Protein backbone atom coordinates (compact mmCIF):
# COMPACT_ATOMS: atom_id res chain seq x y z
CA UNK A 1 55.43 1.03 -19.55
CA UNK A 2 57.06 -1.95 -17.89
CA UNK A 3 59.79 -3.71 -20.20
CA UNK A 4 58.96 -7.02 -21.56
CA UNK A 5 61.04 -9.50 -19.70
CA UNK A 6 59.21 -8.41 -16.39
CA UNK A 7 55.90 -8.81 -18.05
CA UNK A 8 56.47 -12.33 -18.86
CA UNK A 9 58.74 -12.93 -16.13
CA UNK A 10 54.93 -12.48 -13.63
CA UNK A 11 52.93 -14.59 -17.09
CA UNK A 12 55.03 -16.98 -16.70
CA UNK A 13 55.18 -17.42 -12.64
CA UNK A 14 51.51 -16.81 -12.71
CA UNK A 15 50.44 -18.96 -15.40
CA UNK A 16 53.00 -22.07 -13.53
CA UNK A 17 52.66 -21.37 -10.52
CA UNK A 18 48.54 -20.81 -10.67
CA UNK A 19 47.70 -23.74 -13.52
CA UNK A 20 43.70 -23.29 -12.41
CA UNK A 21 43.12 -19.10 -14.35
CA UNK A 22 42.79 -18.26 -17.52
CA UNK A 23 44.87 -14.90 -18.52
CA UNK A 24 44.33 -11.71 -21.08
CA UNK A 25 46.77 -9.48 -21.40
CA UNK A 26 45.80 -6.12 -22.89
CA UNK A 27 47.64 -2.79 -23.06
CA UNK A 28 45.97 0.16 -22.57
CA UNK A 29 46.20 2.54 -25.23
CA UNK A 30 46.50 6.48 -24.11
CA UNK A 31 48.68 5.35 -20.52
CA UNK A 32 50.62 2.25 -22.52
CA UNK A 33 49.57 -0.05 -18.91
CA UNK A 34 49.58 -3.06 -18.90
CA UNK A 35 46.49 -4.69 -17.44
CA UNK A 36 46.22 -8.37 -16.65
CA UNK A 37 42.53 -10.01 -16.73
CA UNK A 38 42.03 -13.35 -14.68
CA UNK A 39 39.71 -15.57 -14.12
CA UNK A 40 38.99 -19.36 -13.67
CA UNK A 41 36.55 -21.92 -14.61
CA UNK A 42 33.99 -23.10 -12.05
CA UNK A 43 35.41 -26.25 -11.21
CA UNK A 44 38.69 -24.69 -10.53
CA UNK A 45 36.59 -22.35 -8.38
CA UNK A 46 34.84 -25.80 -6.20
CA UNK A 47 38.52 -26.92 -5.90
CA UNK A 48 39.98 -23.18 -4.60
CA UNK A 49 36.89 -23.38 -2.12
CA UNK A 50 37.78 -26.12 -0.82
CA UNK A 51 41.41 -24.79 -0.19
CA UNK A 52 40.43 -21.80 1.82
CA UNK A 53 38.03 -23.90 3.69
CA UNK A 54 34.84 -21.89 2.59
CA UNK A 55 31.90 -22.28 4.39
CA UNK A 56 28.71 -23.51 2.30
CA UNK A 57 25.17 -24.06 3.05
CA UNK A 58 23.84 -27.55 3.19
CA UNK A 59 20.78 -29.20 1.45
CA UNK A 60 17.70 -30.20 3.99
CA UNK A 61 18.25 -33.42 3.60
CA UNK A 62 21.57 -33.80 4.28
CA UNK A 63 21.19 -31.86 7.51
CA UNK A 64 20.58 -28.62 6.22
CA UNK A 65 23.37 -26.14 8.39
CA UNK A 66 26.80 -24.53 6.74
CA UNK A 67 29.62 -26.62 6.80
CA UNK A 68 33.00 -26.09 5.11
CA UNK A 69 33.23 -26.82 1.20
CA UNK A 70 34.02 -30.65 0.74
CA UNK A 71 35.26 -31.69 -3.41
CA UNK A 72 34.29 -35.03 -2.82
CA UNK A 73 30.96 -34.34 -1.38
CA UNK A 74 29.68 -31.72 -3.20
CA UNK A 75 26.35 -32.96 -4.57
CA UNK A 76 25.35 -31.73 -0.79
CA UNK A 77 25.66 -28.43 -0.70
CA UNK A 78 23.29 -25.86 -1.78
CA UNK A 79 22.61 -24.67 -5.09
CA UNK A 80 25.91 -26.73 -6.87
CA UNK A 81 24.15 -27.49 -10.16
CA UNK A 82 23.97 -23.84 -10.40
CA UNK A 83 27.79 -22.40 -11.25
CA UNK A 84 25.51 -18.55 -11.60
CA UNK A 85 24.29 -19.33 -8.25
CA UNK A 86 26.79 -21.39 -6.17
CA UNK A 87 29.43 -18.72 -5.39
CA UNK A 88 28.98 -14.97 -4.44
CA UNK A 89 30.37 -12.40 -6.88
CA UNK A 90 32.70 -11.87 -3.87
CA UNK A 91 33.33 -15.53 -2.85
CA UNK A 92 34.56 -15.32 -6.86
CA UNK A 93 37.07 -12.93 -6.07
CA UNK A 94 37.96 -14.17 -2.54
CA UNK A 95 39.11 -17.55 -4.58
CA UNK A 96 41.23 -15.88 -7.02
CA UNK A 97 42.66 -13.76 -5.07
CA UNK A 98 43.77 -15.78 -2.88
CA UNK A 99 45.87 -17.62 -5.33
CA UNK A 100 47.59 -14.84 -5.81
CA UNK A 101 48.25 -13.82 -2.59
CA UNK A 102 50.10 -17.53 -2.22
CA UNK A 103 51.67 -17.93 -5.33
CA UNK A 104 55.13 -18.44 -3.94
CA UNK A 105 59.12 -17.68 -4.66
CA UNK A 106 61.62 -20.91 -5.37
CA UNK A 107 64.53 -21.40 -3.93
CA UNK A 108 67.10 -18.71 -5.88
CA UNK A 109 64.06 -16.91 -7.72
CA UNK A 110 65.28 -13.23 -8.66
CA UNK A 111 63.96 -10.46 -10.83
CA UNK A 112 66.12 -8.04 -11.88
CA UNK A 113 67.96 -6.58 -8.30
CA UNK A 114 64.94 -7.85 -5.97
CA UNK A 115 66.05 -11.36 -4.43
CA UNK A 116 63.30 -13.23 -3.13
CA UNK A 117 63.15 -15.45 -0.22
CA UNK A 118 62.42 -19.31 -0.62
CA UNK A 119 58.53 -19.04 0.43
CA UNK A 120 58.18 -15.09 -0.27
CA UNK A 121 54.76 -14.26 -1.88
CA UNK A 122 55.73 -13.04 -5.35
CA UNK A 123 52.71 -10.43 -5.85
CA UNK A 124 52.36 -8.83 -2.25
CA UNK A 125 56.42 -8.18 -2.74
CA UNK A 126 56.26 -6.98 -6.68
CA UNK A 127 53.35 -4.53 -5.58
CA UNK A 128 55.68 -3.16 -2.76
CA UNK A 129 58.22 -2.73 -5.30
CA UNK A 130 55.97 -0.61 -7.86
CA UNK A 131 56.12 -3.31 -10.76
CA UNK A 132 52.55 -3.99 -9.88
CA UNK A 133 50.36 -1.31 -9.74
CA UNK A 134 46.85 -2.29 -8.36
CA UNK A 135 45.12 -5.39 -7.82
CA UNK A 136 41.23 -5.41 -8.20
CA UNK A 137 38.18 -7.05 -8.74
CA UNK A 138 36.57 -5.52 -11.30
CA UNK A 139 32.75 -4.23 -10.87
CA UNK A 140 29.03 -5.64 -11.93
CA UNK A 141 27.43 -2.72 -13.32
CA UNK A 142 24.25 -4.67 -13.09
CA UNK A 143 24.60 -5.55 -9.22
CA UNK A 144 25.68 -1.78 -8.52
CA UNK A 145 22.09 -0.14 -9.79
CA UNK A 146 20.67 -3.14 -7.74
CA UNK A 147 22.32 -2.16 -5.14
CA UNK A 148 21.95 1.30 -5.67
CA UNK A 149 18.15 1.31 -5.74
CA UNK A 150 17.35 -0.83 -3.20
CA UNK A 151 20.34 0.61 -0.18
CA UNK A 152 21.42 3.99 -1.58
CA UNK A 153 18.49 5.95 -2.67
CA UNK A 154 16.51 3.65 -0.40
CA UNK A 155 14.45 5.93 2.44
CA UNK A 156 13.60 4.09 6.30
CA UNK A 157 14.08 0.98 4.58
CA UNK A 158 16.42 -1.84 6.01
CA UNK A 159 19.90 -2.39 4.77
CA UNK A 160 19.82 -5.15 2.02
CA UNK A 161 22.75 -6.80 4.00
CA UNK A 162 22.84 -10.35 2.08
CA UNK A 163 23.40 -8.56 -0.93
CA UNK A 164 25.42 -6.08 0.71
CA UNK A 165 27.70 -9.49 2.03
CA UNK A 166 27.19 -11.57 -1.31
CA UNK A 167 29.19 -8.19 -3.33
CA UNK A 168 31.20 -6.74 -0.91
CA UNK A 169 31.92 -9.51 1.22
CA UNK A 170 31.52 -10.55 5.14
CA UNK A 171 34.05 -7.80 6.58
CA UNK A 172 32.11 -4.57 5.13
CA UNK A 173 28.19 -6.53 5.25
CA UNK A 174 29.25 -6.76 9.18
CA UNK A 175 30.23 -3.39 8.97
CA UNK A 176 26.96 -1.79 7.50
CA UNK A 177 25.37 -3.84 9.94
CA UNK A 178 26.97 -2.47 12.95
CA UNK A 179 26.86 0.87 11.65
CA UNK A 180 22.53 0.19 11.37
CA UNK A 181 22.24 -1.24 14.55
CA UNK A 182 24.26 1.40 16.30
CA UNK A 183 22.23 3.93 14.29
CA UNK A 184 18.93 2.80 15.74
CA UNK A 185 20.33 1.75 19.15
CA UNK A 186 21.01 5.58 20.04
CA UNK A 187 17.25 6.86 19.72
CA UNK A 188 16.71 5.17 23.21
CA UNK A 189 18.94 7.18 24.20
CA UNK A 190 18.29 10.17 22.86
CA UNK A 191 14.66 10.25 23.08
CA UNK A 192 15.31 10.05 27.48
CA UNK A 193 17.04 12.07 26.78
CA UNK A 194 15.32 14.98 24.97
CA UNK A 195 12.55 14.08 27.63
CA UNK A 196 14.51 14.50 30.86
CA UNK A 197 16.04 17.63 29.03
CA UNK A 198 12.07 18.95 28.41
CA UNK A 199 11.54 17.64 32.18
CA UNK A 200 14.64 19.35 34.16
CA UNK A 201 13.17 22.62 35.73
CA UNK A 202 15.57 25.58 36.32
CA UNK A 203 17.35 24.93 39.57
CA UNK A 204 20.06 23.37 40.30
CA UNK A 205 18.62 19.84 42.25
CA UNK A 206 16.26 19.33 38.92
CA UNK A 207 19.00 18.80 36.64
CA UNK A 208 21.18 17.35 38.74
CA UNK A 209 19.00 14.77 39.24
CA UNK A 210 17.92 14.65 35.48
CA UNK A 211 21.99 14.00 35.01
CA UNK A 212 22.50 11.18 37.45
CA UNK A 213 18.74 9.29 35.62
CA UNK A 214 20.57 9.99 32.45
CA UNK A 215 24.46 8.61 33.16
CA UNK A 216 22.16 5.88 35.23
CA UNK A 217 20.28 4.81 32.53
CA UNK A 218 23.56 4.86 29.83
CA UNK A 219 25.32 2.93 31.65
CA UNK A 220 22.00 0.15 31.79
CA UNK A 221 21.95 1.31 27.75
CA UNK A 222 25.32 0.28 26.87
CA UNK A 223 25.50 -2.59 28.84
CA UNK A 224 22.32 -3.55 26.95
CA UNK A 225 23.54 -2.41 23.60
CA UNK A 226 26.99 -4.84 23.70
CA UNK A 227 24.81 -7.83 24.87
CA UNK A 228 22.12 -7.35 21.92
CA UNK A 229 24.73 -6.65 19.13
CA UNK A 230 26.90 -9.95 20.58
CA UNK A 231 23.54 -12.12 19.41
CA UNK A 232 22.88 -10.18 16.52
CA UNK A 233 26.89 -10.14 15.19
CA UNK A 234 26.77 -13.97 16.20
CA UNK A 235 23.52 -14.39 14.03
CA UNK A 236 25.08 -12.79 10.80
CA UNK A 237 28.52 -14.72 10.97
CA UNK A 238 26.51 -17.88 11.25
CA UNK A 239 24.29 -17.54 8.44
CA UNK A 240 27.16 -15.76 6.16
CA UNK A 241 29.41 -18.91 7.08
CA UNK A 242 32.15 -17.46 9.32
CA UNK A 243 30.95 -18.41 12.97
CA UNK A 244 33.55 -21.24 12.42
CA UNK A 245 36.31 -20.35 11.02
CA UNK A 246 39.79 -20.98 12.72
CA UNK A 247 41.58 -19.43 15.15
CA UNK A 248 44.28 -16.34 13.60
CA UNK A 249 46.98 -18.77 15.13
CA UNK A 250 45.60 -21.49 13.20
CA UNK A 251 45.41 -20.02 9.66
CA UNK A 252 48.09 -19.37 7.55
CA UNK A 253 50.22 -16.04 8.28
CA UNK A 254 49.79 -13.10 5.71
CA UNK A 255 51.32 -12.40 2.35
CA UNK A 256 52.47 -9.61 4.00
CA UNK A 257 54.41 -11.53 6.41
CA UNK A 258 58.15 -11.11 6.34
CA UNK A 259 60.93 -13.23 8.44
CA UNK A 260 62.96 -16.25 8.33
CA UNK A 261 62.05 -19.85 8.32
CA UNK A 262 62.15 -21.76 11.56
CA UNK A 263 60.34 -25.13 12.07
CA UNK A 264 57.42 -24.08 14.22
CA UNK A 265 57.71 -25.84 17.68
CA UNK A 266 54.31 -26.22 18.61
CA UNK A 267 52.86 -27.92 14.70
CA UNK A 268 56.16 -28.73 13.40
CA UNK A 269 55.64 -26.96 9.82
CA UNK A 270 58.12 -24.74 8.36
CA UNK A 271 56.93 -20.95 9.26
CA UNK A 272 58.07 -17.96 8.71
CA UNK A 273 59.43 -16.74 12.13
CA UNK A 274 60.42 -12.84 12.83
CA UNK A 275 62.17 -12.42 16.65
CA UNK A 276 59.92 -9.73 18.87
CA UNK A 277 62.86 -8.19 20.28
CA UNK A 278 64.06 -6.75 16.51
CA UNK A 279 59.94 -5.61 16.19
CA UNK A 280 60.31 -4.21 19.55
CA UNK A 281 64.40 -2.24 18.74
CA UNK A 282 62.92 -0.40 15.34
CA UNK A 283 59.41 0.41 17.50
CA UNK A 284 61.54 1.86 20.31
CA UNK A 285 64.73 3.64 18.73
CA UNK A 286 63.30 4.89 15.36
CA UNK A 287 59.57 4.40 15.57
CA UNK A 288 58.75 6.13 19.35
CA UNK A 289 61.30 8.82 18.55
CA UNK A 290 59.62 9.87 15.80
CA UNK A 291 56.38 9.80 16.87
CA UNK A 292 57.29 11.13 20.07
CA UNK A 293 58.78 14.19 17.89
CA UNK A 294 55.83 15.01 15.95
CA UNK A 295 53.56 15.35 19.50
CA UNK A 296 55.83 18.09 20.89
CA UNK A 297 55.71 19.66 17.37
CA UNK A 298 51.75 19.63 17.68
CA UNK A 299 51.50 20.87 20.99
CA UNK A 300 54.16 23.68 20.31
CA UNK A 301 52.43 24.91 17.36
CA UNK A 302 49.34 24.86 19.87
CA UNK A 303 50.62 27.25 22.41
CA UNK A 304 52.18 29.72 19.66
CA UNK A 305 48.96 29.39 18.21
CA UNK A 306 46.95 30.18 21.53
CA UNK A 307 49.93 32.85 22.64
CA UNK A 308 49.03 34.82 19.34
CA UNK A 309 45.09 34.62 20.41
CA UNK A 310 46.06 36.60 23.72
CA UNK A 311 48.43 39.04 22.12
CA UNK A 312 45.39 39.94 19.38
CA UNK A 313 42.91 39.67 22.19
CA UNK A 314 45.06 42.75 24.66
CA UNK A 315 45.69 44.96 21.36
CA UNK A 316 42.31 46.83 21.17
CA UNK A 317 43.48 48.81 18.01
CA UNK A 318 43.75 45.95 15.55
CA UNK A 319 40.59 44.80 13.32
CA UNK A 320 37.84 42.75 14.32
CA UNK A 321 38.81 40.14 11.70
CA UNK A 322 42.05 39.86 13.02
CA UNK A 323 40.85 38.03 15.82
CA UNK A 324 40.33 34.94 13.70
CA UNK A 325 43.68 34.72 12.50
CA UNK A 326 45.51 32.64 15.16
CA UNK A 327 42.31 30.46 14.64
CA UNK A 328 42.95 30.15 11.33
CA UNK A 329 46.80 29.52 11.39
CA UNK A 330 45.72 26.82 14.19
CA UNK A 331 43.30 24.99 11.64
CA UNK A 332 45.65 25.08 8.83
CA UNK A 333 48.53 23.43 11.32
CA UNK A 334 46.33 21.46 12.18
CA UNK A 335 45.68 20.25 8.56
CA UNK A 336 49.79 20.28 7.51
CA UNK A 337 49.65 18.05 9.98
CA UNK A 338 47.57 15.51 9.06
CA UNK A 339 49.42 15.40 5.24
CA UNK A 340 52.52 15.44 6.89
CA UNK A 341 52.05 12.62 9.53
CA UNK A 342 50.21 10.26 7.07
CA UNK A 343 53.92 10.66 4.98
CA UNK A 344 55.70 9.82 7.89
CA UNK A 345 53.18 6.83 9.03
CA UNK A 346 54.12 5.30 5.62
CA UNK A 347 57.53 6.00 5.59
CA UNK A 348 57.63 4.42 8.83
CA UNK A 349 55.94 1.87 7.29
CA UNK A 350 58.31 1.32 5.06
CA UNK A 351 60.99 1.22 6.50
CA UNK A 352 60.33 -1.29 9.34
CA UNK A 353 60.00 -3.75 5.82
CA UNK A 354 62.75 -2.50 4.72
CA UNK A 355 64.42 -3.41 8.37
CA UNK A 356 62.90 -6.84 8.42
CA UNK A 357 63.66 -8.03 5.23
CA UNK A 358 67.48 -6.75 5.36
CA UNK A 359 67.63 -9.48 8.54
CA UNK A 360 65.44 -12.02 7.45
CA UNK A 361 68.31 -12.21 4.29
């Protein structure tokens, strides 16, 4: 239901700011919502990979390993001849999203009542204002069906981590790699704990000895678990080309970052800067009091439910089912508070962004 002026303005911003992409505009016949279907050519994806500093596998005759992609030396990378095989689904989506996130506003740019700062990312701001409802990659049903067979429906088989990484990205791949590694590692304390539970006799001395042995085992197990995971994580990061990514301090700031422009005293480049004291002011005067108030409410609600439980237990004439009423009330209170606090958290986040906008202007 957005007006044509906003639609054409956004379309023009993308076409002028990112000439590498192709856009198809469609309207849903029932919801009347508009959608931009964005894609690009293989040649433009190669240039985008160089802009992102994406790591790709080098052919064995050129030394092998992983190296940041270079357009001028693109012949040294594996599968460069194949448009379908060189980039994974996730890499193609990441390049286009990188372009969209870094679409910057010019000086004096505005849309209705939205006034952009010079160099401010356009897409994140429009999403925060509700102009853009969602931005997401489209699924490939064929690959989803393959993952359903080899991953979701598979029993007692290794996870296809490479396939997960190629489709969902490195972060999701590493998460499920850690989850599988942790689940397998928990087998050792489970077996040892079960054996000690069987061997422990009824006397207190035997049980104390087993507890001490199990505690010492857990200390050793936890240390070995962390060290083994570090090795596994480094192995996967090297395989997926993220081992030598630059430190966060050297990367571009995230597109959602707000602040005023200044010249960096470290790099000498122009950057957005938000003074720490302003962030601390909002944290201490707004966020902290609201969080303390929420904690006090939960604490009082818990005390009231416990007090009600004691009163109910003391009255013998009440039916037995009434003893569960305080517990049910506590469960309902926790559920309601969870929803309310979630909205408060969103409100605090939005207020923080508005505060930054105010200071930035």
